[in-house]
Amino acid sequence: MSGSRRKARTREDIQRELSAILEFESRDPVVRAAFPTVMDVRLSVDGRYAKVYVALGADADPKDVERALAQDRGFYRSLLAERLSLRHTPELRFVIDETVERGMRLDAILRDEGENLGAS
């Protein structure tokens, strides 16, 4: 298996497992209430660091959730190590992904503009 395919597969495995961990095994009430969805995982070249992009439910406070995820990242990393056979389980850095929220806002703006143009 080539290096790029192996890295892509590792990213997918990490994304799948972290999604399950955040959804079903997180003990933090802030994280559980946020209904987090792992949108993407980006690995460093050596695979020792992973940037995890997480989208949140509508009512979640991104700052509080990001703080809770950062505080609990050792727990998530240890569960990830149990589930995946990796030489090095990457250190996790969680980033709140606001792409979906921005897209919804942009869609609403365009819809409003379209209605305003139709009313003229």
C-alpha atoms as a PDB file:
ATOM      1  CA  MET A   1       0.000   0.000   0.000  1.00  0.00           C
ATOM      2  CA  SER A   2       1.445   3.364  -0.957  1.00  0.00           C
ATOM      3  CA  GLY A   3       2.132   6.008   1.675  1.00  0.00           C
ATOM      4  CA  SER A   4      -0.630   8.338   0.527  1.00  0.00           C
ATOM      5  CA  ARG A   5      -3.249   5.573   0.513  1.00  0.00           C
ATOM      6  CA  ARG A   6      -2.110   4.405   3.942  1.00  0.00           C
ATOM      7  CA  LYS A   7      -2.341   7.950   5.283  1.00  0.00           C
ATOM      8  CA  ALA A   8      -5.817   8.419   3.777  1.00  0.00           C
ATOM      9  CA  ARG A   9      -6.967   5.145   5.311  1.00  0.00           C
ATOM     10  CA  THR A  10      -5.526   6.137   8.683  1.00  0.00           C
ATOM     11  CA  ARG A  11      -7.344   9.484   8.491  1.00  0.00           C
ATOM     12  CA  GLU A  12     -10.618   7.725   7.703  1.00  0.00           C
ATOM     13  CA  ASP A  13     -10.112   5.247  10.562  1.00  0.00           C
ATOM     14  CA  ILE A  14      -9.373   8.042  13.016  1.00  0.00           C
ATOM     15  CA  GLN A  15     -12.399  10.019  11.826  1.00  0.00           C
ATOM     16  CA  ARG A  16     -14.720   7.014  12.139  1.00  0.00           C
ATOM     17  CA  GLU A  17     -13.483   5.999  15.580  1.00  0.00           C
ATOM     18  CA  LEU A  18     -13.425   9.537  16.995  1.00  0.00           C
ATOM     19  CA  SER A  19     -16.971  10.066  15.733  1.00  0.00           C
ATOM     20  CA  ALA A  20     -18.108   7.015  17.687  1.00  0.00           C
ATOM     21  CA  ILE A  21     -16.109   8.000  20.763  1.00  0.00           C
ATOM     22  CA  LEU A  22     -17.487  11.553  20.840  1.00  0.00           C
ATOM     23  CA  GLU A  23     -21.034  10.384  20.248  1.00  0.00           C
ATOM     24  CA  PHE A  24     -21.221   7.384  22.557  1.00  0.00           C
ATOM     25  CA  GLU A  25     -18.375   7.485  25.071  1.00  0.00           C
ATOM     26  CA  SER A  26     -17.707  11.094  25.928  1.00  0.00           C
ATOM     27  CA  ARG A  27     -18.390  11.696  29.618  1.00  0.00           C
ATOM     28  CA  ASP A  28     -18.297  15.478  29.400  1.00  0.00           C
ATOM     29  CA  PRO A  29     -21.835  16.930  29.505  1.00  0.00           C
ATOM     30  CA  VAL A  30     -20.744  19.976  27.462  1.00  0.00           C
ATOM     31  CA  VAL A  31     -19.504  17.740  24.644  1.00  0.00           C
ATOM     32  CA  ARG A  32     -22.495  15.396  24.776  1.00  0.00           C
ATOM     33  CA  ALA A  33     -24.971  18.297  24.651  1.00  0.00           C
ATOM     34  CA  ALA A  34     -23.196  19.781  21.614  1.00  0.00           C
ATOM     35  CA  PHE A  35     -23.880  16.728  19.397  1.00  0.00           C
ATOM     36  CA  PRO A  36     -20.405  16.910  17.809  1.00  0.00           C
ATOM     37  CA  THR A  37     -19.767  15.558  14.316  1.00  0.00           C
ATOM     38  CA  VAL A  38     -16.226  14.890  13.140  1.00  0.00           C
ATOM     39  CA  MET A  39     -16.083  16.509   9.714  1.00  0.00           C
ATOM     40  CA  ASP A  40     -12.427  15.961   8.832  1.00  0.00           C
ATOM     41  CA  VAL A  41      -9.094  14.817  10.206  1.00  0.00           C
ATOM     42  CA  ARG A  42      -5.792  16.186   8.953  1.00  0.00           C
ATOM     43  CA  LEU A  43      -2.637  14.310   9.859  1.00  0.00           C
ATOM     44  CA  SER A  44       0.856  15.758  10.044  1.00  0.00           C
ATOM     45  CA  VAL A  45       3.410  14.309   7.638  1.00  0.00           C
ATOM     46  CA  ASP A  46       4.814  11.983  10.304  1.00  0.00           C
ATOM     47  CA  GLY A  47       1.357  11.032  11.615  1.00  0.00           C
ATOM     48  CA  ARG A  48       2.086  12.146  15.171  1.00  0.00           C
ATOM     49  CA  TYR A  49      -0.395  15.035  15.197  1.00  0.00           C
ATOM     50  CA  ALA A  50      -4.001  15.164  14.067  1.00  0.00           C
ATOM     51  CA  LYS A  51      -6.125  18.242  13.633  1.00  0.00           C
ATOM     52  CA  VAL A  52      -9.745  17.186  14.105  1.00  0.00           C
ATOM     53  CA  TYR A  53     -12.462  19.421  12.640  1.00  0.00           C
ATOM     54  CA  VAL A  54     -15.722  19.154  14.567  1.00  0.00           C
ATOM     55  CA  ALA A  55     -19.127  20.593  13.664  1.00  0.00           C
ATOM     56  CA  LEU A  56     -21.578  21.276  16.496  1.00  0.00           C
ATOM     57  CA  GLY A  57     -25.310  21.285  17.030  1.00  0.00           C
ATOM     58  CA  ALA A  58     -27.157  24.587  16.725  1.00  0.00           C
ATOM     59  CA  ASP A  59     -27.392  25.376  20.449  1.00  0.00           C
ATOM     60  CA  ALA A  60     -23.771  24.640  21.373  1.00  0.00           C
ATOM     61  CA  ASP A  61     -21.343  27.327  22.486  1.00  0.00           C
ATOM     62  CA  PRO A  62     -18.221  26.769  20.341  1.00  0.00           C
ATOM     63  CA  LYS A  63     -15.809  28.226  22.926  1.00  0.00           C
ATOM     64  CA  ASP A  64     -17.093  25.982  25.729  1.00  0.00           C
ATOM     65  CA  VAL A  65     -17.051  22.880  23.535  1.00  0.00           C
ATOM     66  CA  GLU A  66     -13.573  23.610  22.196  1.00  0.00           C
ATOM     67  CA  ARG A  67     -12.324  24.043  25.768  1.00  0.00           C
ATOM     68  CA  ALA A  68     -13.969  20.772  26.862  1.00  0.00           C
ATOM     69  CA  LEU A  69     -12.562  18.858  23.884  1.00  0.00           C
ATOM     70  CA  ALA A  70      -9.080  20.195  24.580  1.00  0.00           C
ATOM     71  CA  GLN A  71      -9.369  19.255  28.239  1.00  0.00           C
ATOM     72  CA  ASP A  72     -10.523  15.692  27.427  1.00  0.00           C
ATOM     73  CA  ARG A  73      -8.208  15.021  24.477  1.00  0.00           C
ATOM     74  CA  GLY A  74      -6.036  12.605  26.478  1.00  0.00           C
ATOM     75  CA  PHE A  75      -9.107  10.464  27.187  1.00  0.00           C
ATOM     76  CA  TYR A  76     -10.077  10.470  23.508  1.00  0.00           C
ATOM     77  CA  ARG A  77      -6.524   9.653  22.467  1.00  0.00           C
ATOM     78  CA  SER A  78      -6.319   6.687  24.853  1.00  0.00           C
ATOM     79  CA  LEU A  79      -9.594   5.251  23.533  1.00  0.00           C
ATOM     80  CA  LEU A  80      -8.354   5.779  19.998  1.00  0.00           C
ATOM     81  CA  ALA A  81      -5.138   3.907  20.833  1.00  0.00           C
ATOM     82  CA  GLU A  82      -7.172   0.953  22.123  1.00  0.00           C
ATOM     83  CA  ARG A  83      -9.201   0.751  18.916  1.00  0.00           C
ATOM     84  CA  LEU A  84      -6.592   1.346  16.222  1.00  0.00           C
ATOM     85  CA  SER A  85      -3.336  -0.454  15.573  1.00  0.00           C
ATOM     86  CA  LEU A  86      -1.066   2.488  14.929  1.00  0.00           C
ATOM     87  CA  ARG A  87       2.621   2.796  15.589  1.00  0.00           C
ATOM     88  CA  HIS A  88       1.980   6.217  17.127  1.00  0.00           C
ATOM     89  CA  THR A  89      -1.439   7.396  18.187  1.00  0.00           C
ATOM     90  CA  PRO A  90      -1.499  11.038  17.113  1.00  0.00           C
ATOM     91  CA  GLU A  91      -1.853  13.902  19.538  1.00  0.00           C
ATOM     92  CA  LEU A  92      -5.270  15.424  18.946  1.00  0.00           C
ATOM     93  CA  ARG A  93      -6.062  19.067  18.398  1.00  0.00           C
ATOM     94  CA  PHE A  94      -9.749  19.867  18.061  1.00  0.00           C
ATOM     95  CA  VAL A  95     -10.935  22.749  15.897  1.00  0.00           C
ATOM     96  CA  ILE A  96     -14.556  23.839  15.667  1.00  0.00           C
ATOM     97  CA  ASP A  97     -15.589  23.617  12.016  1.00  0.00           C
ATOM     98  CA  GLU A  98     -18.037  26.380  11.180  1.00  0.00           C
ATOM     99  CA  THR A  99     -18.242  25.547   7.474  1.00  0.00           C
ATOM    100  CA  VAL A 100     -21.759  24.096   7.717  1.00  0.00           C
ATOM    101  CA  GLU A 101     -22.992  27.049   9.763  1.00  0.00           C
ATOM    102  CA  ARG A 102     -21.460  29.534   7.315  1.00  0.00           C
ATOM    103  CA  GLY A 103     -23.025  27.684   4.408  1.00  0.00           C
ATOM    104  CA  MET A 104     -26.445  27.826   6.040  1.00  0.00           C
ATOM    105  CA  ARG A 105     -26.055  31.573   6.717  1.00  0.00           C
ATOM    106  CA  LEU A 106     -24.943  32.187   3.140  1.00  0.00           C
ATOM    107  CA  ASP A 107     -27.884  30.157   1.841  1.00  0.00           C
ATOM    108  CA  ALA A 108     -30.288  32.195   3.975  1.00  0.00           C
ATOM    109  CA  ILE A 109     -28.767  35.458   2.717  1.00  0.00           C
ATOM    110  CA  LEU A 110     -29.042  34.347  -0.907  1.00  0.00           C
ATOM    111  CA  ARG A 111     -32.615  33.186  -0.369  1.00  0.00           C
ATOM    112  CA  ASP A 112     -33.522  36.567   1.198  1.00  0.00           C
ATOM    113  CA  GLU A 113     -31.866  38.419  -1.680  1.00  0.00           C
ATOM    114  CA  GLY A 114     -33.761  36.264  -4.185  1.00  0.00           C
ATOM    115  CA  GLU A 115     -37.061  37.050  -2.458  1.00  0.00           C
ATOM    116  CA  ASN A 116     -36.234  40.756  -2.396  1.00  0.00           C
ATOM    117  CA  LEU A 117     -35.408  40.733  -6.101  1.00  0.00           C
ATOM    118  CA  GLY A 118     -38.640  38.887  -6.883  1.00  0.00           C
ATOM    119  CA  ALA A 119     -40.690  41.409  -4.885  1.00  0.00           C
ATOM    120  CA  SER A 120     -39.276  44.417  -6.776  1.00  0.00           C
END
